[in-house]
Amino acid sequence: MSGGVETVVGVSHDPLFGPVVMVGLGGVFVEVLRDVSFRVPPFDRDEAARMVRELNGYALLEGTRGQKPADVDALVDVIMNLQRLAMDLAGDMRELDINPLIVRPRGAVALDALVVRT
């Protein structure tokens, strides 16, 4: 598969707030730069889009150096579905990570995922 931007999305459990949804740039960016954004569900689609725009590397999603822009709407869809899953499984799921989630010019594809049950 070629093209697209590596991102990471996930859910962790905070003892005070419960489920917390995270989005960031994947690969080296999440490990080295810690370019991530967090929200406590429930939140609306506009808030999910703000999460994405808060990323320092958001310009990569807009398309750089001749790359086509990534489908940010598809990434927002994934975040919205992930937060619903986080709320529905709050008592059963401690952690969920999708890394990488490749956001392509059209759509997004999860290449690897991990779910940790409580």
N, C-alpha and C. Protein backbone atom coordinates (compact mmCIF):
# COMPACT_ATOMS: atom_id res chain seq x y z
N MET A 1 0.85 -1.17 0.00
CA MET A 1 0.00 0.00 0.00
C MET A 1 0.90 1.23 0.00
N SER A 2 0.64 2.14 -0.92
CA SER A 2 1.44 3.35 -0.96
C SER A 2 0.53 4.55 -0.81
N GLY A 3 1.12 5.65 -0.37
CA GLY A 3 0.35 6.87 -0.17
C GLY A 3 -0.36 6.88 1.16
N GLY A 4 -0.60 8.06 1.65
CA GLY A 4 -1.29 8.20 2.92
C GLY A 4 -0.36 8.63 4.04
N VAL A 5 -0.96 8.97 5.15
CA VAL A 5 -0.24 9.45 6.32
C VAL A 5 -0.48 8.48 7.47
N GLU A 6 0.62 8.06 8.11
CA GLU A 6 0.50 7.18 9.27
C GLU A 6 -0.01 7.96 10.46
N THR A 7 -1.10 7.46 11.04
CA THR A 7 -1.64 8.05 12.26
C THR A 7 -1.82 6.95 13.29
N VAL A 8 -2.14 7.35 14.48
CA VAL A 8 -2.46 6.43 15.56
C VAL A 8 -3.72 6.95 16.23
N VAL A 9 -4.62 6.03 16.56
CA VAL A 9 -5.80 6.38 17.35
C VAL A 9 -5.92 5.34 18.45
N GLY A 10 -6.48 5.76 19.56
CA GLY A 10 -6.59 4.81 20.64
C GLY A 10 -7.48 5.28 21.76
N VAL A 11 -7.65 4.37 22.71
CA VAL A 11 -8.42 4.64 23.91
C VAL A 11 -7.61 4.12 25.08
N SER A 12 -7.53 4.92 26.12
CA SER A 12 -6.94 4.45 27.38
C SER A 12 -7.96 4.73 28.48
N HIS A 13 -7.69 4.20 29.65
CA HIS A 13 -8.61 4.39 30.77
C HIS A 13 -7.92 5.23 31.84
N ASP A 14 -8.53 6.37 32.15
CA ASP A 14 -8.03 7.24 33.21
C ASP A 14 -8.85 6.96 34.47
N PRO A 15 -8.18 6.79 35.64
CA PRO A 15 -8.93 6.48 36.86
C PRO A 15 -9.97 7.53 37.23
N LEU A 16 -9.73 8.78 36.88
CA LEU A 16 -10.65 9.85 37.22
C LEU A 16 -11.73 10.07 36.16
N PHE A 17 -11.31 10.10 34.89
CA PHE A 17 -12.22 10.46 33.80
C PHE A 17 -12.84 9.27 33.09
N GLY A 18 -12.30 8.09 33.25
CA GLY A 18 -12.77 6.93 32.50
C GLY A 18 -12.09 6.86 31.15
N PRO A 19 -12.83 6.48 30.10
CA PRO A 19 -12.20 6.34 28.79
C PRO A 19 -11.71 7.69 28.26
N VAL A 20 -10.54 7.67 27.64
CA VAL A 20 -9.95 8.85 27.01
C VAL A 20 -9.53 8.45 25.60
N VAL A 21 -9.96 9.24 24.61
CA VAL A 21 -9.66 8.97 23.21
C VAL A 21 -8.45 9.80 22.80
N MET A 22 -7.57 9.17 22.01
CA MET A 22 -6.33 9.82 21.56
C MET A 22 -6.20 9.69 20.05
N VAL A 23 -5.67 10.74 19.43
CA VAL A 23 -5.29 10.70 18.02
C VAL A 23 -3.93 11.36 17.88
N GLY A 24 -3.13 10.88 16.97
CA GLY A 24 -1.82 11.48 16.74
C GLY A 24 -1.26 11.03 15.43
N LEU A 25 -0.13 11.59 15.09
CA LEU A 25 0.60 11.10 13.93
C LEU A 25 1.33 9.84 14.35
N GLY A 26 1.34 8.85 13.48
CA GLY A 26 1.90 7.55 13.84
C GLY A 26 3.39 7.46 13.59
N GLY A 27 3.89 6.25 13.75
CA GLY A 27 5.30 5.98 13.50
C GLY A 27 6.19 6.76 14.44
N VAL A 28 7.24 7.32 13.89
CA VAL A 28 8.24 8.09 14.65
C VAL A 28 7.62 9.28 15.36
N PHE A 29 6.61 9.87 14.75
CA PHE A 29 6.01 11.08 15.33
C PHE A 29 5.41 10.83 16.70
N VAL A 30 4.71 9.72 16.86
CA VAL A 30 4.10 9.45 18.16
C VAL A 30 5.17 9.04 19.18
N GLU A 31 6.18 8.30 18.74
CA GLU A 31 7.20 7.81 19.66
C GLU A 31 8.18 8.90 20.08
N VAL A 32 8.60 9.72 19.14
CA VAL A 32 9.63 10.71 19.43
C VAL A 32 9.05 12.08 19.76
N LEU A 33 8.11 12.53 18.95
CA LEU A 33 7.59 13.89 19.12
C LEU A 33 6.37 13.95 20.02
N ARG A 34 5.75 12.81 20.28
CA ARG A 34 4.55 12.76 21.12
C ARG A 34 3.48 13.75 20.63
N ASP A 35 3.30 13.76 19.31
CA ASP A 35 2.35 14.66 18.67
C ASP A 35 0.96 14.03 18.73
N VAL A 36 0.27 14.22 19.87
CA VAL A 36 -1.02 13.59 20.11
C VAL A 36 -2.00 14.59 20.71
N SER A 37 -3.27 14.25 20.62
CA SER A 37 -4.35 15.06 21.19
C SER A 37 -5.32 14.10 21.89
N PHE A 38 -5.87 14.53 23.01
CA PHE A 38 -6.75 13.69 23.83
C PHE A 38 -8.09 14.38 24.07
N ARG A 39 -9.16 13.56 24.21
CA ARG A 39 -10.47 14.06 24.61
C ARG A 39 -11.17 12.98 25.44
N VAL A 40 -12.01 13.45 26.36
CA VAL A 40 -12.86 12.55 27.15
C VAL A 40 -14.23 12.53 26.47
N PRO A 41 -14.71 11.33 26.10
CA PRO A 41 -16.04 11.26 25.49
C PRO A 41 -17.14 11.48 26.51
N PRO A 42 -18.32 11.89 26.07
CA PRO A 42 -18.72 12.05 24.68
C PRO A 42 -18.33 13.43 24.14
N PHE A 43 -18.07 13.48 22.85
CA PHE A 43 -17.82 14.74 22.16
C PHE A 43 -18.40 14.64 20.76
N ASP A 44 -18.59 15.78 20.13
CA ASP A 44 -19.21 15.78 18.81
C ASP A 44 -18.16 15.78 17.70
N ARG A 45 -18.64 15.72 16.48
CA ARG A 45 -17.76 15.65 15.31
C ARG A 45 -16.86 16.88 15.19
N ASP A 46 -17.38 18.05 15.53
CA ASP A 46 -16.55 19.27 15.47
C ASP A 46 -15.37 19.16 16.43
N GLU A 47 -15.60 18.59 17.61
CA GLU A 47 -14.52 18.43 18.58
C GLU A 47 -13.50 17.40 18.09
N ALA A 48 -13.97 16.35 17.45
CA ALA A 48 -13.05 15.36 16.88
C ALA A 48 -12.18 16.00 15.80
N ALA A 49 -12.77 16.86 14.99
CA ALA A 49 -12.00 17.56 13.96
C ALA A 49 -10.98 18.50 14.59
N ARG A 50 -11.36 19.14 15.71
CA ARG A 50 -10.40 20.00 16.42
C ARG A 50 -9.22 19.20 16.94
N MET A 51 -9.48 17.99 17.41
CA MET A 51 -8.39 17.11 17.88
C MET A 51 -7.35 16.95 16.78
N VAL A 52 -7.82 16.70 15.57
CA VAL A 52 -6.92 16.46 14.44
C VAL A 52 -6.16 17.74 14.09
N ARG A 53 -6.87 18.87 14.06
CA ARG A 53 -6.23 20.14 13.70
C ARG A 53 -5.22 20.61 14.76
N GLU A 54 -5.35 20.13 15.99
CA GLU A 54 -4.40 20.49 17.05
C GLU A 54 -3.02 19.86 16.87
N LEU A 55 -2.95 18.83 16.08
CA LEU A 55 -1.67 18.13 15.91
C LEU A 55 -0.64 19.05 15.26
N ASN A 56 0.56 19.05 15.80
CA ASN A 56 1.64 19.87 15.23
C ASN A 56 1.93 19.48 13.79
N GLY A 57 1.74 18.21 13.48
CA GLY A 57 2.01 17.73 12.13
C GLY A 57 0.79 17.71 11.23
N TYR A 58 -0.24 18.48 11.56
CA TYR A 58 -1.46 18.51 10.76
C TYR A 58 -1.17 18.82 9.29
N ALA A 59 -0.14 19.60 9.03
CA ALA A 59 0.20 19.96 7.65
C ALA A 59 0.47 18.71 6.80
N LEU A 60 0.96 17.63 7.41
CA LEU A 60 1.17 16.39 6.66
C LEU A 60 -0.14 15.84 6.14
N LEU A 61 -1.21 16.00 6.90
CA LEU A 61 -2.52 15.54 6.47
C LEU A 61 -3.09 16.41 5.35
N GLU A 62 -2.66 17.66 5.30
CA GLU A 62 -3.14 18.57 4.26
C GLU A 62 -2.44 18.35 2.92
N GLY A 63 -1.35 17.57 2.96
CA GLY A 63 -0.58 17.29 1.75
C GLY A 63 0.65 18.19 1.70
N THR A 64 1.81 17.58 1.64
CA THR A 64 3.07 18.33 1.56
C THR A 64 3.97 17.68 0.51
N ARG A 65 4.83 18.47 -0.07
CA ARG A 65 5.82 17.98 -1.03
C ARG A 65 5.21 17.12 -2.13
N GLY A 66 4.12 17.61 -2.68
CA GLY A 66 3.49 16.93 -3.79
C GLY A 66 2.57 15.78 -3.42
N GLN A 67 2.45 15.49 -2.13
CA GLN A 67 1.53 14.43 -1.69
C GLN A 67 0.09 14.93 -1.75
N LYS A 68 -0.82 14.04 -2.07
CA LYS A 68 -2.24 14.41 -2.05
C LYS A 68 -2.68 14.59 -0.61
N PRO A 69 -3.64 15.48 -0.36
CA PRO A 69 -4.18 15.62 1.00
C PRO A 69 -4.81 14.31 1.46
N ALA A 70 -4.68 14.04 2.74
CA ALA A 70 -5.30 12.86 3.34
C ALA A 70 -6.77 13.14 3.59
N ASP A 71 -7.54 12.09 3.69
CA ASP A 71 -8.99 12.17 3.91
C ASP A 71 -9.25 12.40 5.40
N VAL A 72 -9.16 13.65 5.82
CA VAL A 72 -9.33 14.01 7.23
C VAL A 72 -10.74 13.64 7.71
N ASP A 73 -11.73 13.73 6.83
CA ASP A 73 -13.09 13.33 7.22
C ASP A 73 -13.13 11.85 7.60
N ALA A 74 -12.38 11.02 6.91
CA ALA A 74 -12.33 9.59 7.25
C ALA A 74 -11.67 9.40 8.62
N LEU A 75 -10.64 10.17 8.91
CA LEU A 75 -9.99 10.10 10.22
C LEU A 75 -10.97 10.53 11.31
N VAL A 76 -11.72 11.57 11.08
CA VAL A 76 -12.73 12.02 12.04
C VAL A 76 -13.79 10.94 12.24
N ASP A 77 -14.19 10.26 11.16
CA ASP A 77 -15.14 9.15 11.28
C ASP A 77 -14.59 8.06 12.20
N VAL A 78 -13.32 7.73 12.03
CA VAL A 78 -12.70 6.71 12.88
C VAL A 78 -12.72 7.15 14.34
N ILE A 79 -12.38 8.41 14.60
CA ILE A 79 -12.38 8.93 15.98
C ILE A 79 -13.78 8.84 16.57
N MET A 80 -14.79 9.22 15.80
CA MET A 80 -16.17 9.17 16.30
C MET A 80 -16.59 7.73 16.61
N ASN A 81 -16.25 6.80 15.73
CA ASN A 81 -16.58 5.39 15.98
C ASN A 81 -15.81 4.85 17.18
N LEU A 82 -14.58 5.27 17.31
CA LEU A 82 -13.75 4.82 18.43
C LEU A 82 -14.30 5.32 19.77
N GLN A 83 -14.76 6.56 19.81
CA GLN A 83 -15.31 7.07 21.07
C GLN A 83 -16.59 6.35 21.44
N ARG A 84 -17.42 6.00 20.45
CA ARG A 84 -18.63 5.23 20.75
C ARG A 84 -18.27 3.86 21.31
N LEU A 85 -17.28 3.23 20.71
CA LEU A 85 -16.80 1.94 21.19
C LEU A 85 -16.25 2.07 22.61
N ALA A 86 -15.50 3.15 22.86
CA ALA A 86 -14.93 3.38 24.19
C ALA A 86 -16.02 3.51 25.25
N MET A 87 -17.09 4.20 24.92
CA MET A 87 -18.18 4.37 25.89
C MET A 87 -18.96 3.06 26.06
N ASP A 88 -19.21 2.36 24.97
CA ASP A 88 -19.96 1.11 25.04
C ASP A 88 -19.22 0.03 25.81
N LEU A 89 -17.89 0.02 25.70
CA LEU A 89 -17.08 -1.04 26.33
C LEU A 89 -16.26 -0.53 27.51
N ALA A 90 -16.69 0.57 28.11
CA ALA A 90 -15.92 1.20 29.19
C ALA A 90 -15.59 0.23 30.32
N GLY A 91 -16.49 -0.66 30.65
CA GLY A 91 -16.24 -1.59 31.75
C GLY A 91 -15.44 -2.82 31.35
N ASP A 92 -15.31 -3.05 30.04
CA ASP A 92 -14.66 -4.27 29.56
C ASP A 92 -13.30 -4.03 28.90
N MET A 93 -13.04 -2.80 28.48
CA MET A 93 -11.82 -2.51 27.72
C MET A 93 -10.96 -1.51 28.47
N ARG A 94 -9.72 -1.89 28.70
CA ARG A 94 -8.78 -0.99 29.37
C ARG A 94 -8.02 -0.14 28.37
N GLU A 95 -7.74 -0.71 27.20
CA GLU A 95 -6.92 0.00 26.23
C GLU A 95 -7.22 -0.51 24.83
N LEU A 96 -7.15 0.39 23.84
CA LEU A 96 -7.27 0.03 22.44
C LEU A 96 -6.33 0.93 21.66
N ASP A 97 -5.53 0.33 20.81
CA ASP A 97 -4.60 1.10 19.97
C ASP A 97 -4.72 0.62 18.54
N ILE A 98 -4.88 1.55 17.62
CA ILE A 98 -4.79 1.26 16.19
C ILE A 98 -3.57 2.03 15.70
N ASN A 99 -2.53 1.28 15.36
CA ASN A 99 -1.26 1.91 14.97
C ASN A 99 -0.49 0.94 14.08
N PRO A 100 -0.34 1.29 12.82
CA PRO A 100 -0.76 2.54 12.19
C PRO A 100 -2.17 2.46 11.61
N LEU A 101 -2.78 3.61 11.56
CA LEU A 101 -3.99 3.83 10.79
C LEU A 101 -3.55 4.72 9.64
N ILE A 102 -3.55 4.18 8.45
CA ILE A 102 -3.11 4.95 7.29
C ILE A 102 -4.29 5.76 6.76
N VAL A 103 -4.14 7.06 6.77
CA VAL A 103 -5.18 7.94 6.24
C VAL A 103 -4.77 8.27 4.81
N ARG A 104 -5.52 7.71 3.88
CA ARG A 104 -5.20 7.82 2.46
C ARG A 104 -5.93 9.02 1.85
N PRO A 105 -5.65 9.34 0.61
CA PRO A 105 -6.39 10.42 -0.03
C PRO A 105 -7.90 10.17 -0.04
N ARG A 106 -8.26 8.88 0.00
CA ARG A 106 -9.68 8.53 0.11
C ARG A 106 -9.80 7.36 1.07
N GLY A 107 -10.29 7.64 2.28
CA GLY A 107 -10.49 6.59 3.27
C GLY A 107 -9.30 6.41 4.21
N ALA A 108 -9.48 5.50 5.14
CA ALA A 108 -8.45 5.18 6.13
C ALA A 108 -8.43 3.66 6.32
N VAL A 109 -7.23 3.12 6.54
CA VAL A 109 -7.06 1.68 6.66
C VAL A 109 -6.25 1.38 7.92
N ALA A 110 -6.81 0.55 8.80
CA ALA A 110 -6.08 0.11 9.99
C ALA A 110 -5.18 -1.05 9.61
N LEU A 111 -3.88 -0.92 9.90
CA LEU A 111 -2.95 -1.99 9.58
C LEU A 111 -2.64 -2.87 10.78
N ASP A 112 -2.84 -2.37 11.99
CA ASP A 112 -2.59 -3.16 13.19
C ASP A 112 -3.42 -2.58 14.32
N ALA A 113 -3.88 -3.47 15.20
CA ALA A 113 -4.67 -3.02 16.35
C ALA A 113 -4.42 -3.93 17.53
N LEU A 114 -4.57 -3.36 18.71
CA LEU A 114 -4.40 -4.10 19.96
C LEU A 114 -5.53 -3.68 20.91
N VAL A 115 -6.19 -4.68 21.51
CA VAL A 115 -7.22 -4.41 22.52
C VAL A 115 -6.80 -5.13 23.78
N VAL A 116 -6.82 -4.39 24.90
CA VAL A 116 -6.51 -4.97 26.21
C VAL A 116 -7.79 -4.92 27.02
N ARG A 117 -8.25 -6.08 27.45
CA ARG A 117 -9.46 -6.15 28.27
C ARG A 117 -9.15 -5.84 29.72
N THR A 118 -10.17 -5.43 30.46
CA THR A 118 -9.98 -5.17 31.89
C THR A 118 -9.96 -6.48 32.64
